[in-house]
N, C-alpha and C. Protein backbone atom coordinates (compact mmCIF):
# COMPACT_ATOMS: atom_id res chain seq x y z
N MET A 1 0.85 -1.21 0.00
CA MET A 1 0.00 0.00 0.00
C MET A 1 0.88 1.24 0.00
N ASP A 2 0.55 2.25 -0.79
CA ASP A 2 1.37 3.45 -0.85
C ASP A 2 1.11 4.33 0.35
N ALA A 3 2.01 5.34 0.52
CA ALA A 3 1.93 6.23 1.69
C ALA A 3 0.63 7.01 1.71
N HIS A 4 0.15 7.39 0.51
CA HIS A 4 -1.08 8.17 0.46
C HIS A 4 -2.26 7.35 0.96
N GLY A 5 -2.30 6.06 0.51
CA GLY A 5 -3.39 5.19 0.93
C GLY A 5 -3.36 4.93 2.42
N SER A 6 -2.15 4.68 2.98
CA SER A 6 -2.07 4.41 4.41
C SER A 6 -2.41 5.66 5.22
N ALA A 7 -2.04 6.84 4.70
CA ALA A 7 -2.40 8.08 5.38
C ALA A 7 -3.90 8.29 5.38
N ALA A 8 -4.55 7.95 4.27
CA ALA A 8 -6.00 8.08 4.19
C ALA A 8 -6.69 7.16 5.19
N GLU A 9 -6.12 5.97 5.42
CA GLU A 9 -6.68 5.05 6.40
C GLU A 9 -6.42 5.52 7.82
N LEU A 10 -5.26 6.13 8.03
CA LEU A 10 -4.86 6.53 9.39
C LEU A 10 -5.63 7.76 9.88
N ARG A 11 -5.98 8.67 8.98
CA ARG A 11 -6.63 9.92 9.39
C ARG A 11 -7.88 9.70 10.26
N PRO A 12 -8.86 8.90 9.84
CA PRO A 12 -10.03 8.71 10.69
C PRO A 12 -9.71 7.98 11.99
N VAL A 13 -8.67 7.13 11.97
CA VAL A 13 -8.29 6.40 13.18
C VAL A 13 -7.78 7.38 14.24
N VAL A 14 -6.85 8.27 13.85
CA VAL A 14 -6.30 9.19 14.84
C VAL A 14 -7.35 10.19 15.32
N MET A 15 -8.32 10.52 14.48
CA MET A 15 -9.39 11.41 14.93
C MET A 15 -10.28 10.72 15.97
N ARG A 16 -10.58 9.44 15.74
CA ARG A 16 -11.38 8.69 16.73
C ARG A 16 -10.61 8.55 18.04
N VAL A 17 -9.33 8.27 17.94
CA VAL A 17 -8.50 8.14 19.14
C VAL A 17 -8.43 9.46 19.89
N ALA A 18 -8.26 10.56 19.15
CA ALA A 18 -8.23 11.89 19.79
C ALA A 18 -9.54 12.17 20.51
N GLY A 19 -10.68 11.86 19.87
CA GLY A 19 -11.97 12.10 20.49
C GLY A 19 -12.18 11.29 21.76
N LEU A 20 -11.79 10.02 21.73
CA LEU A 20 -11.91 9.17 22.92
C LEU A 20 -11.04 9.70 24.06
N ASN A 21 -9.81 10.09 23.73
CA ASN A 21 -8.92 10.61 24.77
C ASN A 21 -9.43 11.91 25.37
N LEU A 22 -9.95 12.78 24.55
CA LEU A 22 -10.46 14.06 25.06
C LEU A 22 -11.67 13.84 25.95
N ALA A 23 -12.56 12.93 25.56
CA ALA A 23 -13.75 12.65 26.35
C ALA A 23 -13.38 12.05 27.70
N TYR A 24 -12.43 11.11 27.71
CA TYR A 24 -12.10 10.48 29.00
C TYR A 24 -11.25 11.39 29.87
N PHE A 25 -10.51 12.32 29.25
CA PHE A 25 -9.81 13.34 30.05
C PHE A 25 -10.80 14.07 30.94
N ALA A 26 -11.93 14.48 30.35
CA ALA A 26 -12.93 15.23 31.12
C ALA A 26 -13.48 14.41 32.28
N VAL A 27 -13.71 13.12 32.03
CA VAL A 27 -14.20 12.23 33.09
C VAL A 27 -13.16 12.08 34.19
N GLU A 28 -11.93 11.77 33.78
CA GLU A 28 -10.89 11.41 34.76
C GLU A 28 -10.43 12.61 35.58
N ILE A 29 -10.31 13.79 34.97
CA ILE A 29 -9.86 14.94 35.75
C ILE A 29 -10.91 15.34 36.77
N ALA A 30 -12.20 15.16 36.43
CA ALA A 30 -13.26 15.48 37.38
C ALA A 30 -13.19 14.55 38.59
N VAL A 31 -13.00 13.26 38.35
CA VAL A 31 -12.88 12.30 39.46
C VAL A 31 -11.60 12.56 40.25
N ALA A 32 -10.50 12.81 39.54
CA ALA A 32 -9.20 13.03 40.20
C ALA A 32 -9.26 14.19 41.18
N LEU A 33 -9.86 15.30 40.74
CA LEU A 33 -9.95 16.48 41.61
C LEU A 33 -10.91 16.25 42.76
N ALA A 34 -11.96 15.47 42.50
CA ALA A 34 -12.95 15.21 43.56
C ALA A 34 -12.38 14.34 44.68
N ILE A 35 -11.53 13.36 44.33
CA ILE A 35 -11.03 12.44 45.35
C ILE A 35 -9.57 12.71 45.73
N GLY A 36 -8.92 13.64 45.05
CA GLY A 36 -7.54 13.98 45.39
C GLY A 36 -6.54 12.90 45.04
N SER A 37 -6.62 12.37 43.80
CA SER A 37 -5.73 11.29 43.38
C SER A 37 -4.61 11.80 42.48
N VAL A 38 -3.36 11.59 42.91
CA VAL A 38 -2.21 11.97 42.11
C VAL A 38 -2.14 11.13 40.84
N ALA A 39 -2.39 9.83 40.97
CA ALA A 39 -2.33 8.93 39.81
C ALA A 39 -3.35 9.32 38.75
N LEU A 40 -4.57 9.65 39.17
CA LEU A 40 -5.60 10.03 38.20
C LEU A 40 -5.33 11.39 37.58
N ILE A 41 -4.75 12.32 38.35
CA ILE A 41 -4.38 13.61 37.77
C ILE A 41 -3.34 13.40 36.67
N ALA A 42 -2.30 12.60 36.98
CA ALA A 42 -1.26 12.34 35.99
C ALA A 42 -1.85 11.64 34.77
N ASP A 43 -2.74 10.67 35.00
CA ASP A 43 -3.31 9.92 33.88
C ASP A 43 -4.27 10.77 33.06
N SER A 44 -5.02 11.66 33.72
CA SER A 44 -5.94 12.52 32.98
C SER A 44 -5.17 13.49 32.08
N LEU A 45 -4.06 14.03 32.59
CA LEU A 45 -3.23 14.90 31.77
C LEU A 45 -2.64 14.11 30.60
N ASP A 46 -2.39 12.82 30.84
CA ASP A 46 -1.90 11.96 29.77
C ASP A 46 -2.96 11.78 28.69
N PHE A 47 -4.23 11.67 29.08
CA PHE A 47 -5.31 11.60 28.09
C PHE A 47 -5.36 12.88 27.26
N LEU A 48 -5.19 14.03 27.91
CA LEU A 48 -5.19 15.31 27.18
C LEU A 48 -4.01 15.37 26.22
N GLU A 49 -2.86 14.92 26.68
CA GLU A 49 -1.67 14.90 25.82
C GLU A 49 -1.86 13.95 24.64
N ASP A 50 -2.50 12.80 24.89
CA ASP A 50 -2.75 11.85 23.81
C ASP A 50 -3.68 12.45 22.75
N ALA A 51 -4.68 13.18 23.20
CA ALA A 51 -5.58 13.85 22.25
C ALA A 51 -4.79 14.84 21.39
N ALA A 52 -3.90 15.61 22.03
CA ALA A 52 -3.09 16.58 21.28
C ALA A 52 -2.17 15.89 20.28
N ILE A 53 -1.54 14.79 20.70
CA ILE A 53 -0.65 14.05 19.82
C ILE A 53 -1.38 13.57 18.57
N ASN A 54 -2.56 12.98 18.77
CA ASN A 54 -3.30 12.44 17.63
C ASN A 54 -3.82 13.53 16.71
N LEU A 55 -4.18 14.69 17.26
CA LEU A 55 -4.59 15.81 16.42
C LEU A 55 -3.40 16.34 15.60
N LEU A 56 -2.21 16.36 16.23
CA LEU A 56 -1.02 16.79 15.51
C LEU A 56 -0.64 15.78 14.43
N ILE A 57 -0.82 14.51 14.72
CA ILE A 57 -0.55 13.49 13.70
C ILE A 57 -1.49 13.68 12.51
N PHE A 58 -2.76 13.95 12.79
CA PHE A 58 -3.74 14.20 11.73
C PHE A 58 -3.26 15.35 10.85
N ALA A 59 -2.76 16.42 11.50
CA ALA A 59 -2.28 17.59 10.75
C ALA A 59 -1.02 17.28 9.97
N GLY A 60 -0.16 16.39 10.52
CA GLY A 60 1.15 16.14 9.92
C GLY A 60 1.19 15.06 8.86
N LEU A 61 0.12 14.30 8.69
CA LEU A 61 0.11 13.24 7.68
C LEU A 61 0.29 13.85 6.28
N GLY A 62 1.14 13.25 5.51
CA GLY A 62 1.41 13.76 4.17
C GLY A 62 2.58 14.74 4.13
N TRP A 63 3.14 15.09 5.29
CA TRP A 63 4.29 15.97 5.30
C TRP A 63 5.53 15.22 4.83
N SER A 64 6.58 15.96 4.53
CA SER A 64 7.85 15.36 4.13
C SER A 64 8.50 14.67 5.34
N LEU A 65 9.46 13.79 5.05
CA LEU A 65 10.17 13.08 6.11
C LEU A 65 10.83 14.06 7.08
N ARG A 66 11.42 15.12 6.54
CA ARG A 66 12.10 16.10 7.39
C ARG A 66 11.11 16.81 8.32
N ASN A 67 9.94 17.20 7.78
CA ASN A 67 8.95 17.89 8.61
C ASN A 67 8.30 16.95 9.62
N ARG A 68 8.13 15.66 9.25
CA ARG A 68 7.61 14.69 10.21
C ARG A 68 8.60 14.50 11.36
N ALA A 69 9.90 14.54 11.04
CA ALA A 69 10.92 14.41 12.08
C ALA A 69 10.84 15.59 13.05
N ARG A 70 10.62 16.79 12.49
CA ARG A 70 10.50 17.97 13.36
C ARG A 70 9.27 17.87 14.26
N LEU A 71 8.15 17.42 13.67
CA LEU A 71 6.94 17.27 14.47
C LEU A 71 7.11 16.18 15.52
N GLY A 72 7.81 15.10 15.16
CA GLY A 72 8.07 14.03 16.12
C GLY A 72 8.87 14.53 17.31
N THR A 73 9.83 15.40 17.06
CA THR A 73 10.61 15.99 18.15
C THR A 73 9.71 16.81 19.07
N GLY A 74 8.79 17.57 18.47
CA GLY A 74 7.85 18.34 19.27
C GLY A 74 6.93 17.45 20.10
N LEU A 75 6.50 16.34 19.51
CA LEU A 75 5.62 15.42 20.23
C LEU A 75 6.34 14.80 21.43
N ALA A 76 7.64 14.55 21.28
CA ALA A 76 8.40 14.00 22.40
C ALA A 76 8.36 14.94 23.60
N PHE A 77 8.45 16.24 23.35
CA PHE A 77 8.40 17.19 24.45
C PHE A 77 6.99 17.29 25.03
N ILE A 78 5.95 17.11 24.18
CA ILE A 78 4.58 17.10 24.68
C ILE A 78 4.38 15.95 25.67
N LEU A 79 5.04 14.82 25.41
CA LEU A 79 4.93 13.66 26.29
C LEU A 79 5.45 13.95 27.71
N LEU A 80 6.25 15.00 27.86
CA LEU A 80 6.77 15.34 29.18
C LEU A 80 5.76 16.12 30.02
N VAL A 81 4.68 16.62 29.40
CA VAL A 81 3.68 17.41 30.13
C VAL A 81 3.06 16.63 31.29
N PRO A 82 2.62 15.36 31.08
CA PRO A 82 2.07 14.63 32.22
C PRO A 82 3.08 14.42 33.34
N ALA A 83 4.37 14.32 32.99
CA ALA A 83 5.40 14.16 34.02
C ALA A 83 5.44 15.38 34.92
N LEU A 84 5.36 16.56 34.32
CA LEU A 84 5.36 17.79 35.11
C LEU A 84 4.08 17.91 35.94
N GLY A 85 2.94 17.50 35.33
CA GLY A 85 1.68 17.53 36.07
C GLY A 85 1.70 16.60 37.26
N ALA A 86 2.27 15.41 37.08
CA ALA A 86 2.35 14.45 38.18
C ALA A 86 3.26 14.96 39.29
N ALA A 87 4.36 15.60 38.91
CA ALA A 87 5.28 16.14 39.91
C ALA A 87 4.58 17.21 40.75
N TRP A 88 3.82 18.08 40.09
CA TRP A 88 3.09 19.12 40.83
C TRP A 88 2.06 18.50 41.77
N ALA A 89 1.30 17.50 41.27
CA ALA A 89 0.26 16.86 42.08
C ALA A 89 0.87 16.13 43.26
N ALA A 90 2.02 15.48 43.05
CA ALA A 90 2.69 14.76 44.15
C ALA A 90 3.17 15.73 45.21
N TRP A 91 3.71 16.86 44.79
CA TRP A 91 4.16 17.89 45.74
C TRP A 91 2.98 18.41 46.58
N ASP A 92 1.86 18.64 45.89
CA ASP A 92 0.68 19.13 46.59
C ASP A 92 0.13 18.09 47.56
N LYS A 93 0.16 16.82 47.15
CA LYS A 93 -0.34 15.73 48.00
C LYS A 93 0.51 15.55 49.25
N ALA A 94 1.81 15.85 49.14
CA ALA A 94 2.72 15.68 50.27
C ALA A 94 2.32 16.54 51.47
N ALA A 95 1.58 17.61 51.20
CA ALA A 95 1.16 18.49 52.30
C ALA A 95 0.09 17.84 53.17
N SER A 96 -0.79 17.03 52.57
CA SER A 96 -1.89 16.45 53.34
C SER A 96 -1.73 14.95 53.57
N MET A 97 -1.17 14.24 52.61
CA MET A 97 -0.99 12.78 52.68
C MET A 97 -2.31 12.06 52.99
N ALA A 98 -3.41 12.60 52.47
CA ALA A 98 -4.71 11.94 52.64
C ALA A 98 -4.91 10.96 51.49
N PRO A 99 -5.30 9.71 51.78
CA PRO A 99 -5.51 8.75 50.69
C PRO A 99 -6.74 9.09 49.88
N PRO A 100 -6.73 8.84 48.57
CA PRO A 100 -7.93 9.07 47.76
C PRO A 100 -8.97 7.99 48.04
N ALA A 101 -10.21 8.26 47.66
CA ALA A 101 -11.26 7.25 47.81
C ALA A 101 -10.95 6.08 46.88
N SER A 102 -10.90 4.88 47.44
CA SER A 102 -10.41 3.73 46.68
C SER A 102 -11.37 3.25 45.59
N VAL A 103 -12.69 3.28 45.84
CA VAL A 103 -13.64 2.76 44.85
C VAL A 103 -13.66 3.62 43.58
N PRO A 104 -13.81 4.96 43.68
CA PRO A 104 -13.73 5.77 42.45
C PRO A 104 -12.38 5.65 41.75
N LEU A 105 -11.29 5.53 42.53
CA LEU A 105 -9.96 5.39 41.94
C LEU A 105 -9.89 4.11 41.10
N THR A 106 -10.37 3.01 41.66
CA THR A 106 -10.32 1.73 40.95
C THR A 106 -11.22 1.73 39.72
N LEU A 107 -12.45 2.20 39.88
CA LEU A 107 -13.40 2.18 38.75
C LEU A 107 -12.97 3.11 37.63
N THR A 108 -12.42 4.27 37.99
CA THR A 108 -11.95 5.21 36.96
C THR A 108 -10.74 4.64 36.23
N GLY A 109 -9.86 3.96 36.98
CA GLY A 109 -8.73 3.28 36.34
C GLY A 109 -9.18 2.19 35.39
N LEU A 110 -10.24 1.47 35.76
CA LEU A 110 -10.78 0.43 34.89
C LEU A 110 -11.35 1.03 33.60
N GLY A 111 -12.08 2.13 33.73
CA GLY A 111 -12.61 2.81 32.55
C GLY A 111 -11.50 3.30 31.64
N ALA A 112 -10.45 3.85 32.25
CA ALA A 112 -9.30 4.33 31.47
C ALA A 112 -8.63 3.17 30.73
N LEU A 113 -8.54 2.02 31.40
CA LEU A 113 -7.94 0.84 30.77
C LEU A 113 -8.71 0.43 29.52
N LEU A 114 -10.04 0.42 29.61
CA LEU A 114 -10.86 0.03 28.46
C LEU A 114 -10.68 1.02 27.30
N VAL A 115 -10.65 2.32 27.61
CA VAL A 115 -10.46 3.33 26.57
C VAL A 115 -9.09 3.16 25.90
N ASN A 116 -8.05 2.99 26.71
CA ASN A 116 -6.71 2.88 26.15
C ASN A 116 -6.49 1.58 25.39
N LEU A 117 -7.11 0.49 25.83
CA LEU A 117 -7.03 -0.75 25.07
C LEU A 117 -7.65 -0.56 23.68
N ALA A 118 -8.79 0.10 23.64
CA ALA A 118 -9.45 0.37 22.36
C ALA A 118 -8.56 1.21 21.46
N CYS A 119 -7.93 2.25 22.04
CA CYS A 119 -7.05 3.13 21.25
C CYS A 119 -5.81 2.37 20.76
N ALA A 120 -5.21 1.57 21.64
CA ALA A 120 -4.01 0.83 21.25
C ALA A 120 -4.32 -0.16 20.13
N LEU A 121 -5.47 -0.82 20.20
CA LEU A 121 -5.86 -1.77 19.15
C LEU A 121 -6.09 -1.05 17.82
N MET A 122 -6.70 0.13 17.87
CA MET A 122 -6.93 0.89 16.64
C MET A 122 -5.62 1.33 16.00
N LEU A 123 -4.63 1.68 16.85
CA LEU A 123 -3.37 2.22 16.33
C LEU A 123 -2.34 1.15 16.00
N ALA A 124 -2.53 -0.07 16.52
CA ALA A 124 -1.49 -1.10 16.41
C ALA A 124 -1.08 -1.38 14.97
N ARG A 125 -2.03 -1.47 14.06
CA ARG A 125 -1.70 -1.82 12.67
C ARG A 125 -1.04 -0.67 11.91
N HIS A 126 -1.05 0.53 12.50
CA HIS A 126 -0.44 1.70 11.84
C HIS A 126 0.86 2.13 12.53
N ARG A 127 1.31 1.38 13.54
CA ARG A 127 2.37 1.90 14.41
C ARG A 127 3.71 2.12 13.72
N SER A 128 3.94 1.44 12.59
CA SER A 128 5.22 1.63 11.90
C SER A 128 5.06 2.32 10.55
N GLY A 129 3.89 2.85 10.28
CA GLY A 129 3.63 3.39 8.95
C GLY A 129 4.09 4.82 8.72
N HIS A 130 4.22 5.61 9.75
CA HIS A 130 4.59 7.02 9.55
C HIS A 130 5.66 7.46 10.55
N GLY A 131 6.63 6.59 10.78
CA GLY A 131 7.78 6.94 11.60
C GLY A 131 7.44 7.39 13.00
N SER A 132 8.05 8.49 13.40
CA SER A 132 7.92 8.95 14.79
C SER A 132 6.49 9.39 15.12
N LEU A 133 5.70 9.76 14.12
CA LEU A 133 4.34 10.24 14.39
C LEU A 133 3.46 9.12 14.95
N THR A 134 3.33 8.05 14.17
CA THR A 134 2.48 6.96 14.65
C THR A 134 3.14 6.20 15.78
N LYS A 135 4.46 6.20 15.83
CA LYS A 135 5.17 5.58 16.96
C LYS A 135 4.79 6.30 18.25
N ALA A 136 4.69 7.63 18.18
CA ALA A 136 4.31 8.42 19.36
C ALA A 136 2.92 8.03 19.85
N ALA A 137 1.98 7.95 18.94
CA ALA A 137 0.60 7.64 19.32
C ALA A 137 0.48 6.23 19.86
N TYR A 138 1.12 5.26 19.18
CA TYR A 138 1.00 3.87 19.61
C TYR A 138 1.69 3.66 20.95
N LEU A 139 2.92 4.18 21.12
CA LEU A 139 3.63 4.02 22.38
C LEU A 139 2.86 4.63 23.54
N SER A 140 2.26 5.78 23.29
CA SER A 140 1.51 6.45 24.35
C SER A 140 0.31 5.61 24.77
N ALA A 141 -0.46 5.10 23.79
CA ALA A 141 -1.62 4.28 24.12
C ALA A 141 -1.21 2.98 24.80
N ARG A 142 -0.14 2.35 24.31
CA ARG A 142 0.33 1.10 24.90
C ARG A 142 0.78 1.29 26.33
N ASN A 143 1.56 2.36 26.57
CA ASN A 143 2.04 2.63 27.93
C ASN A 143 0.89 2.96 28.87
N ASP A 144 -0.14 3.61 28.33
CA ASP A 144 -1.28 3.97 29.17
C ASP A 144 -2.01 2.73 29.67
N VAL A 145 -2.03 1.66 28.88
CA VAL A 145 -2.65 0.41 29.33
C VAL A 145 -1.94 -0.08 30.59
N ALA A 146 -0.59 -0.08 30.56
CA ALA A 146 0.18 -0.50 31.73
C ALA A 146 -0.09 0.43 32.91
N ALA A 147 -0.16 1.72 32.65
CA ALA A 147 -0.42 2.69 33.72
C ALA A 147 -1.80 2.46 34.34
N ASN A 148 -2.79 2.14 33.52
CA ASN A 148 -4.14 1.94 34.03
C ASN A 148 -4.24 0.69 34.90
N ILE A 149 -3.52 -0.36 34.52
CA ILE A 149 -3.47 -1.55 35.37
C ILE A 149 -2.87 -1.20 36.73
N ALA A 150 -1.84 -0.36 36.71
CA ALA A 150 -1.22 0.07 37.97
C ALA A 150 -2.18 0.92 38.80
N ILE A 151 -3.01 1.75 38.15
CA ILE A 151 -3.99 2.56 38.88
C ILE A 151 -5.02 1.67 39.55
N ILE A 152 -5.49 0.64 38.84
CA ILE A 152 -6.44 -0.31 39.44
C ILE A 152 -5.81 -0.99 40.65
N ALA A 153 -4.56 -1.40 40.52
CA ALA A 153 -3.85 -2.03 41.63
C ALA A 153 -3.71 -1.05 42.80
N ALA A 154 -3.44 0.23 42.48
CA ALA A 154 -3.32 1.25 43.53
C ALA A 154 -4.64 1.43 44.27
N GLY A 155 -5.75 1.39 43.51
CA GLY A 155 -7.06 1.51 44.15
C GLY A 155 -7.33 0.37 45.11
N LEU A 156 -6.98 -0.85 44.69
CA LEU A 156 -7.17 -2.02 45.56
C LEU A 156 -6.26 -1.95 46.78
N ALA A 157 -5.01 -1.51 46.56
CA ALA A 157 -4.07 -1.39 47.67
C ALA A 157 -4.50 -0.29 48.64
N THR A 158 -5.06 0.79 48.11
CA THR A 158 -5.55 1.87 48.97
C THR A 158 -6.71 1.39 49.83
N ALA A 159 -7.60 0.59 49.23
CA ALA A 159 -8.72 0.04 49.99
C ALA A 159 -8.23 -0.85 51.13
N ALA A 160 -7.15 -1.60 50.87
CA ALA A 160 -6.63 -2.54 51.87
C ALA A 160 -5.82 -1.86 52.96
N THR A 161 -5.12 -0.76 52.60
CA THR A 161 -4.18 -0.15 53.56
C THR A 161 -4.58 1.22 54.07
N LEU A 162 -5.51 1.89 53.35
CA LEU A 162 -5.89 3.28 53.66
C LEU A 162 -4.67 4.20 53.68
N SER A 163 -3.72 3.89 52.80
CA SER A 163 -2.48 4.67 52.70
C SER A 163 -2.48 5.50 51.42
N PRO A 164 -1.87 6.69 51.45
CA PRO A 164 -1.76 7.50 50.22
C PRO A 164 -0.63 7.03 49.31
N TRP A 165 0.23 6.15 49.80
CA TRP A 165 1.43 5.80 49.05
C TRP A 165 1.18 5.07 47.73
N PRO A 166 0.25 4.11 47.66
CA PRO A 166 0.03 3.47 46.34
C PRO A 166 -0.31 4.47 45.24
N ASP A 167 -1.17 5.42 45.57
CA ASP A 167 -1.57 6.45 44.59
C ASP A 167 -0.38 7.31 44.21
N LEU A 168 0.43 7.72 45.19
CA LEU A 168 1.60 8.55 44.92
C LEU A 168 2.61 7.82 44.05
N VAL A 169 2.88 6.56 44.40
CA VAL A 169 3.88 5.79 43.66
C VAL A 169 3.45 5.60 42.21
N VAL A 170 2.17 5.29 41.99
CA VAL A 170 1.69 5.09 40.62
C VAL A 170 1.73 6.40 39.84
N GLY A 171 1.36 7.51 40.48
CA GLY A 171 1.41 8.80 39.80
C GLY A 171 2.81 9.14 39.33
N ILE A 172 3.80 8.89 40.18
CA ILE A 172 5.20 9.14 39.80
C ILE A 172 5.64 8.16 38.72
N GLY A 173 5.17 6.91 38.82
CA GLY A 173 5.50 5.91 37.80
C GLY A 173 4.99 6.30 36.42
N ILE A 174 3.78 6.86 36.37
CA ILE A 174 3.22 7.32 35.09
C ILE A 174 4.11 8.41 34.49
N ALA A 175 4.60 9.29 35.34
CA ALA A 175 5.48 10.35 34.87
C ALA A 175 6.76 9.77 34.27
N ILE A 176 7.35 8.77 34.94
CA ILE A 176 8.58 8.15 34.45
C ILE A 176 8.33 7.43 33.13
N LEU A 177 7.19 6.75 33.03
CA LEU A 177 6.84 6.02 31.81
C LEU A 177 6.74 6.96 30.62
N ASN A 178 6.12 8.12 30.82
CA ASN A 178 5.99 9.09 29.74
C ASN A 178 7.33 9.69 29.35
N ALA A 179 8.20 9.90 30.34
CA ALA A 179 9.53 10.42 30.03
C ALA A 179 10.31 9.42 29.18
N ASP A 180 10.19 8.12 29.50
CA ASP A 180 10.88 7.08 28.72
C ASP A 180 10.37 7.05 27.28
N SER A 181 9.04 7.17 27.11
CA SER A 181 8.47 7.20 25.76
C SER A 181 8.97 8.40 24.97
N ALA A 182 9.12 9.53 25.66
CA ALA A 182 9.62 10.74 24.99
C ALA A 182 10.99 10.49 24.39
N PHE A 183 11.86 9.80 25.12
CA PHE A 183 13.19 9.50 24.60
C PHE A 183 13.12 8.54 23.41
N ASP A 184 12.20 7.56 23.45
CA ASP A 184 12.04 6.64 22.32
C ASP A 184 11.62 7.40 21.07
N ILE A 185 10.70 8.36 21.22
CA ILE A 185 10.22 9.13 20.07
C ILE A 185 11.30 10.06 19.54
N LEU A 186 12.11 10.63 20.44
CA LEU A 186 13.24 11.46 20.01
C LEU A 186 14.20 10.65 19.15
N LYS A 187 14.44 9.38 19.55
CA LYS A 187 15.33 8.52 18.77
C LYS A 187 14.75 8.25 17.38
N ALA A 188 13.42 8.01 17.32
CA ALA A 188 12.78 7.78 16.03
C ALA A 188 12.85 9.03 15.16
N ALA A 189 12.67 10.20 15.76
CA ALA A 189 12.74 11.46 15.00
C ALA A 189 14.15 11.70 14.48
N ARG A 190 15.16 11.37 15.29
CA ARG A 190 16.55 11.52 14.83
C ARG A 190 16.83 10.62 13.63
N ALA A 191 16.29 9.39 13.68
CA ALA A 191 16.48 8.46 12.56
C ALA A 191 15.83 9.01 11.30
N GLU A 192 14.67 9.65 11.44
CA GLU A 192 13.99 10.25 10.28
C GLU A 192 14.80 11.41 9.73
N ARG A 193 15.41 12.21 10.62
CA ARG A 193 16.22 13.33 10.15
C ARG A 193 17.43 12.82 9.38
N ARG A 194 18.04 11.72 9.87
CA ARG A 194 19.20 11.14 9.15
C ARG A 194 18.75 10.62 7.78
N ALA A 195 17.59 9.96 7.73
CA ALA A 195 17.08 9.45 6.46
C ALA A 195 16.79 10.58 5.48
N ALA A 196 16.25 11.68 6.00
CA ALA A 196 15.95 12.84 5.14
C ALA A 196 17.22 13.46 4.60
N ALA A 197 18.28 13.49 5.44
CA ALA A 197 19.55 14.07 5.01
C ALA A 197 20.24 13.22 3.96
N GLU A 198 20.02 11.90 4.04
CA GLU A 198 20.66 11.00 3.08
C GLU A 198 19.89 10.89 1.78
N ALA A 199 18.60 11.31 1.80
CA ALA A 199 17.74 11.17 0.60
C ALA A 199 18.19 12.12 -0.51
């Protein structure tokens, strides 16, 4: 299949993924603020970042290899936004150390898992088709599945221990996961820049 055909197939996929991420961001940030969960704040910001990434991919499809590499570099820095949000939320939580409500934490994490599984499945067949752009979207959705499983585990651990630590640890873990993905996307963008220079 040529690049134009694959781009035509990818466009509606990334728009659906962006819409799902934006919708669940609104759900998750509302719950996060209501129960004071660092993990949900970090994950909700990740949903917002995922929506932005997929909208940027939609805009960047059909660009030259060099311009896709530049956009990929920008997307890598966008992936760091949830890390900063999680750091702020963790700092704020340290003042009170009150555990979040475990049932909303667990159920919201389960909902996030279902949304991210759907997004990862939609993006999986396109993950190598447009270099750093689709790599960014697929890696983000895939990593979010792992983060959501950790949020569910944190909710269960919070119910058992009434401790704020499971939520804090998962929130910081989400930040680290996104930082690692950012470096992977930077490497993919560098490879695209080298390919563009050699073309």
